[in-house]
Amino acid sequence: MRNYETIFILHPSLDDEAIKANIEKFKGVIENGGGVIENVDEWGKRKLAYPIEKINDGYYTLVNFKSSPELPKELERVFRITDGVIRFMVVNPEK
C-alpha cells in the first residue's frame, strides 16, 4: 500500500449537510476500495487563488490515505462525476 493525499474544493453554495455528505461519499470510495484513511483535515471555506467559472470561494478538504495504486484512478473518476466539486488533486507525496 502506498501513501496518497487528495485535496478537493467544493462549491461554496453547498449547505453544511451537502458538504458533509460529499466528504463521507469520498471517504466511502477510499474505504470500499480497500484504502485506509489516516487523516481528514477540513480547511473550510477559503478564497480561491483565481476565479473558476466566476466562483471566488470554495470549501477545501485534505484527506491522507493509504491504498493500492489503482484506487486513486477510481477516486478521480468519482470526483469528475460529482456535482459540486470545483477542483481536485490526488498525489503521492513520496515522489
N, C-alpha and C. Protein backbone atom coordinates (compact mmCIF):
# COMPACT_ATOMS: atom_id res chain seq x y z
N MET A 1 0.85 -1.18 0.00
CA MET A 1 0.00 0.00 0.00
C MET A 1 0.89 1.24 0.00
N ARG A 2 0.46 2.23 -0.76
CA ARG A 2 1.21 3.48 -0.87
C ARG A 2 0.46 4.60 -0.17
N ASN A 3 1.22 5.62 0.21
CA ASN A 3 0.62 6.82 0.80
C ASN A 3 0.13 7.74 -0.31
N TYR A 4 -1.05 8.32 -0.12
CA TYR A 4 -1.60 9.30 -1.05
C TYR A 4 -2.23 10.41 -0.24
N GLU A 5 -2.38 11.56 -0.89
CA GLU A 5 -3.20 12.62 -0.32
C GLU A 5 -4.01 13.23 -1.43
N THR A 6 -5.22 13.61 -1.07
CA THR A 6 -6.09 14.27 -2.03
C THR A 6 -6.63 15.54 -1.39
N ILE A 7 -6.73 16.55 -2.21
CA ILE A 7 -7.39 17.78 -1.78
C ILE A 7 -8.48 18.06 -2.81
N PHE A 8 -9.64 18.41 -2.31
CA PHE A 8 -10.73 18.76 -3.21
C PHE A 8 -11.42 20.01 -2.71
N ILE A 9 -11.97 20.75 -3.66
CA ILE A 9 -12.65 22.01 -3.37
C ILE A 9 -14.10 21.86 -3.79
N LEU A 10 -15.01 22.09 -2.85
CA LEU A 10 -16.43 22.00 -3.12
C LEU A 10 -17.02 23.39 -3.35
N HIS A 11 -18.09 23.44 -4.11
CA HIS A 11 -18.76 24.70 -4.44
C HIS A 11 -19.24 25.39 -3.15
N PRO A 12 -19.04 26.70 -3.03
CA PRO A 12 -19.41 27.39 -1.79
C PRO A 12 -20.92 27.48 -1.54
N SER A 13 -21.74 27.25 -2.55
CA SER A 13 -23.19 27.35 -2.36
C SER A 13 -23.77 26.11 -1.69
N LEU A 14 -22.99 25.04 -1.53
CA LEU A 14 -23.49 23.83 -0.86
C LEU A 14 -23.71 24.11 0.62
N ASP A 15 -24.79 23.57 1.17
CA ASP A 15 -25.03 23.74 2.60
C ASP A 15 -24.19 22.73 3.39
N ASP A 16 -24.19 22.87 4.71
CA ASP A 16 -23.35 22.04 5.57
C ASP A 16 -23.65 20.55 5.40
N GLU A 17 -24.92 20.20 5.25
CA GLU A 17 -25.28 18.80 5.09
C GLU A 17 -24.74 18.23 3.79
N ALA A 18 -24.81 18.99 2.71
CA ALA A 18 -24.31 18.53 1.42
C ALA A 18 -22.79 18.39 1.44
N ILE A 19 -22.12 19.31 2.13
CA ILE A 19 -20.66 19.22 2.25
C ILE A 19 -20.28 17.96 3.00
N LYS A 20 -20.93 17.71 4.14
CA LYS A 20 -20.64 16.51 4.94
C LYS A 20 -20.95 15.24 4.14
N ALA A 21 -22.05 15.26 3.37
CA ALA A 21 -22.42 14.09 2.57
C ALA A 21 -21.37 13.81 1.50
N ASN A 22 -20.85 14.85 0.86
CA ASN A 22 -19.82 14.66 -0.16
C ASN A 22 -18.53 14.13 0.45
N ILE A 23 -18.14 14.67 1.60
CA ILE A 23 -16.91 14.20 2.26
C ILE A 23 -17.07 12.73 2.63
N GLU A 24 -18.23 12.35 3.18
CA GLU A 24 -18.47 10.96 3.54
C GLU A 24 -18.48 10.07 2.30
N LYS A 25 -19.01 10.58 1.20
CA LYS A 25 -19.04 9.82 -0.05
C LYS A 25 -17.62 9.50 -0.51
N PHE A 26 -16.73 10.51 -0.48
CA PHE A 26 -15.35 10.29 -0.93
C PHE A 26 -14.59 9.39 0.03
N LYS A 27 -14.86 9.53 1.33
CA LYS A 27 -14.24 8.62 2.30
C LYS A 27 -14.71 7.19 2.05
N GLY A 28 -15.98 7.03 1.70
CA GLY A 28 -16.52 5.71 1.41
C GLY A 28 -15.87 5.08 0.18
N VAL A 29 -15.59 5.88 -0.84
CA VAL A 29 -14.92 5.37 -2.03
C VAL A 29 -13.54 4.82 -1.65
N ILE A 30 -12.83 5.56 -0.81
CA ILE A 30 -11.50 5.12 -0.38
C ILE A 30 -11.59 3.83 0.43
N GLU A 31 -12.48 3.80 1.42
CA GLU A 31 -12.59 2.63 2.29
C GLU A 31 -13.14 1.41 1.55
N ASN A 32 -14.11 1.60 0.66
CA ASN A 32 -14.67 0.48 -0.09
C ASN A 32 -13.68 -0.07 -1.11
N GLY A 33 -12.72 0.78 -1.53
CA GLY A 33 -11.68 0.33 -2.46
C GLY A 33 -10.50 -0.32 -1.78
N GLY A 34 -10.59 -0.54 -0.48
CA GLY A 34 -9.52 -1.19 0.25
C GLY A 34 -8.50 -0.24 0.84
N GLY A 35 -8.77 1.05 0.78
CA GLY A 35 -7.85 2.04 1.33
C GLY A 35 -8.07 2.27 2.81
N VAL A 36 -7.08 2.89 3.45
CA VAL A 36 -7.16 3.20 4.88
C VAL A 36 -6.97 4.71 5.02
N ILE A 37 -7.96 5.38 5.58
CA ILE A 37 -7.88 6.83 5.78
C ILE A 37 -7.08 7.11 7.03
N GLU A 38 -6.06 7.94 6.89
CA GLU A 38 -5.21 8.29 8.03
C GLU A 38 -5.62 9.61 8.66
N ASN A 39 -6.06 10.58 7.84
CA ASN A 39 -6.39 11.90 8.37
C ASN A 39 -7.35 12.61 7.42
N VAL A 40 -8.32 13.30 7.97
CA VAL A 40 -9.22 14.16 7.21
C VAL A 40 -9.13 15.55 7.83
N ASP A 41 -8.68 16.51 7.04
CA ASP A 41 -8.47 17.86 7.52
C ASP A 41 -9.38 18.81 6.73
N GLU A 42 -10.44 19.27 7.37
CA GLU A 42 -11.36 20.20 6.71
C GLU A 42 -10.86 21.62 6.95
N TRP A 43 -10.42 22.26 5.88
CA TRP A 43 -9.90 23.63 5.98
C TRP A 43 -11.02 24.65 5.98
N GLY A 44 -12.18 24.28 5.50
CA GLY A 44 -13.32 25.19 5.49
C GLY A 44 -13.34 26.07 4.25
N LYS A 45 -14.16 27.10 4.32
CA LYS A 45 -14.34 27.99 3.18
C LYS A 45 -13.17 28.97 3.10
N ARG A 46 -12.56 29.02 1.92
CA ARG A 46 -11.42 29.92 1.67
C ARG A 46 -11.54 30.53 0.29
N LYS A 47 -10.83 31.61 0.10
CA LYS A 47 -10.81 32.28 -1.19
C LYS A 47 -9.92 31.50 -2.14
N LEU A 48 -10.37 31.35 -3.38
CA LEU A 48 -9.58 30.67 -4.40
C LEU A 48 -8.44 31.59 -4.87
N ALA A 49 -7.37 31.01 -5.38
CA ALA A 49 -6.24 31.80 -5.87
C ALA A 49 -6.65 32.61 -7.10
N TYR A 50 -7.58 32.08 -7.87
CA TYR A 50 -8.10 32.76 -9.05
C TYR A 50 -9.54 32.29 -9.27
N PRO A 51 -10.37 33.14 -9.86
CA PRO A 51 -11.77 32.73 -10.07
C PRO A 51 -11.87 31.54 -11.04
N ILE A 52 -12.76 30.62 -10.71
CA ILE A 52 -13.04 29.47 -11.56
C ILE A 52 -14.51 29.56 -11.92
N GLU A 53 -14.81 29.80 -13.19
CA GLU A 53 -16.18 29.94 -13.67
C GLU A 53 -16.95 30.95 -12.81
N LYS A 54 -16.33 32.08 -12.55
CA LYS A 54 -16.88 33.20 -11.78
C LYS A 54 -17.14 32.86 -10.31
N ILE A 55 -16.48 31.83 -9.80
CA ILE A 55 -16.58 31.45 -8.39
C ILE A 55 -15.30 31.90 -7.71
N ASN A 56 -15.42 32.59 -6.58
CA ASN A 56 -14.25 33.13 -5.89
C ASN A 56 -13.89 32.38 -4.61
N ASP A 57 -14.82 31.58 -4.05
CA ASP A 57 -14.59 30.86 -2.80
C ASP A 57 -14.83 29.38 -3.02
N GLY A 58 -14.34 28.57 -2.07
CA GLY A 58 -14.58 27.14 -2.12
C GLY A 58 -14.36 26.53 -0.76
N TYR A 59 -14.90 25.33 -0.55
CA TYR A 59 -14.74 24.61 0.71
C TYR A 59 -13.65 23.56 0.50
N TYR A 60 -12.52 23.74 1.17
CA TYR A 60 -11.34 22.89 0.99
C TYR A 60 -11.33 21.73 1.99
N THR A 61 -10.94 20.55 1.51
CA THR A 61 -10.77 19.38 2.37
C THR A 61 -9.55 18.60 1.91
N LEU A 62 -8.69 18.23 2.86
CA LEU A 62 -7.49 17.44 2.59
C LEU A 62 -7.65 16.07 3.26
N VAL A 63 -7.39 15.00 2.50
CA VAL A 63 -7.51 13.65 3.03
C VAL A 63 -6.21 12.90 2.76
N ASN A 64 -5.61 12.35 3.81
CA ASN A 64 -4.43 11.50 3.68
C ASN A 64 -4.89 10.05 3.82
N PHE A 65 -4.42 9.18 2.90
CA PHE A 65 -4.84 7.78 2.95
C PHE A 65 -3.77 6.87 2.36
N LYS A 66 -3.90 5.58 2.65
CA LYS A 66 -3.05 4.55 2.07
C LYS A 66 -3.94 3.65 1.23
N SER A 67 -3.42 3.26 0.06
CA SER A 67 -4.20 2.38 -0.80
C SER A 67 -3.31 1.74 -1.84
N SER A 68 -3.93 0.87 -2.62
CA SER A 68 -3.25 0.28 -3.77
C SER A 68 -3.18 1.34 -4.88
N PRO A 69 -2.30 1.17 -5.86
CA PRO A 69 -2.15 2.17 -6.92
C PRO A 69 -3.37 2.36 -7.82
N GLU A 70 -4.31 1.42 -7.80
CA GLU A 70 -5.48 1.54 -8.66
C GLU A 70 -6.56 2.46 -8.09
N LEU A 71 -6.61 2.60 -6.78
CA LEU A 71 -7.68 3.36 -6.13
C LEU A 71 -7.71 4.84 -6.50
N PRO A 72 -6.58 5.55 -6.61
CA PRO A 72 -6.66 6.97 -6.98
C PRO A 72 -7.37 7.23 -8.32
N LYS A 73 -7.24 6.32 -9.26
CA LYS A 73 -7.94 6.49 -10.54
C LYS A 73 -9.45 6.45 -10.35
N GLU A 74 -9.92 5.53 -9.52
CA GLU A 74 -11.36 5.44 -9.23
C GLU A 74 -11.83 6.67 -8.47
N LEU A 75 -11.02 7.15 -7.53
CA LEU A 75 -11.38 8.34 -6.77
C LEU A 75 -11.48 9.56 -7.68
N GLU A 76 -10.55 9.69 -8.61
CA GLU A 76 -10.61 10.80 -9.57
C GLU A 76 -11.85 10.71 -10.45
N ARG A 77 -12.24 9.50 -10.84
CA ARG A 77 -13.45 9.31 -11.64
C ARG A 77 -14.67 9.79 -10.87
N VAL A 78 -14.74 9.46 -9.58
CA VAL A 78 -15.87 9.88 -8.75
C VAL A 78 -15.86 11.41 -8.58
N PHE A 79 -14.68 12.01 -8.40
CA PHE A 79 -14.61 13.47 -8.31
C PHE A 79 -15.17 14.12 -9.58
N ARG A 80 -14.81 13.57 -10.74
CA ARG A 80 -15.24 14.16 -12.02
C ARG A 80 -16.76 14.13 -12.20
N ILE A 81 -17.41 13.08 -11.72
CA ILE A 81 -18.85 12.94 -11.96
C ILE A 81 -19.70 13.51 -10.84
N THR A 82 -19.08 14.02 -9.77
CA THR A 82 -19.83 14.55 -8.64
C THR A 82 -20.09 16.03 -8.83
N ASP A 83 -21.37 16.40 -8.80
CA ASP A 83 -21.73 17.82 -8.86
C ASP A 83 -21.25 18.50 -7.59
N GLY A 84 -20.75 19.71 -7.73
CA GLY A 84 -20.32 20.46 -6.57
C GLY A 84 -18.82 20.44 -6.37
N VAL A 85 -18.10 19.57 -7.06
CA VAL A 85 -16.64 19.56 -6.96
C VAL A 85 -16.08 20.54 -7.98
N ILE A 86 -15.37 21.55 -7.49
CA ILE A 86 -14.78 22.56 -8.38
C ILE A 86 -13.45 22.07 -8.91
N ARG A 87 -12.57 21.65 -8.01
CA ARG A 87 -11.24 21.16 -8.36
C ARG A 87 -10.85 20.03 -7.41
N PHE A 88 -9.93 19.17 -7.88
CA PHE A 88 -9.42 18.10 -7.04
C PHE A 88 -8.02 17.73 -7.52
N MET A 89 -7.28 17.11 -6.61
CA MET A 89 -5.96 16.61 -6.96
C MET A 89 -5.64 15.43 -6.05
N VAL A 90 -5.10 14.37 -6.62
CA VAL A 90 -4.65 13.21 -5.85
C VAL A 90 -3.16 13.05 -6.16
N VAL A 91 -2.33 13.04 -5.13
CA VAL A 91 -0.89 12.93 -5.32
C VAL A 91 -0.30 11.89 -4.38
N ASN A 92 0.87 11.39 -4.78
CA ASN A 92 1.67 10.53 -3.93
C ASN A 92 2.79 11.41 -3.38
N PRO A 93 2.73 11.81 -2.10
CA PRO A 93 3.71 12.76 -1.56
C PRO A 93 5.13 12.21 -1.47
N GLU A 94 5.31 10.90 -1.67
CA GLU A 94 6.63 10.30 -1.57
C GLU A 94 7.48 10.55 -2.80
N LYS A 95 6.86 10.90 -3.92
CA LYS A 95 7.60 11.09 -5.16
C LYS A 95 8.04 12.51 -5.34
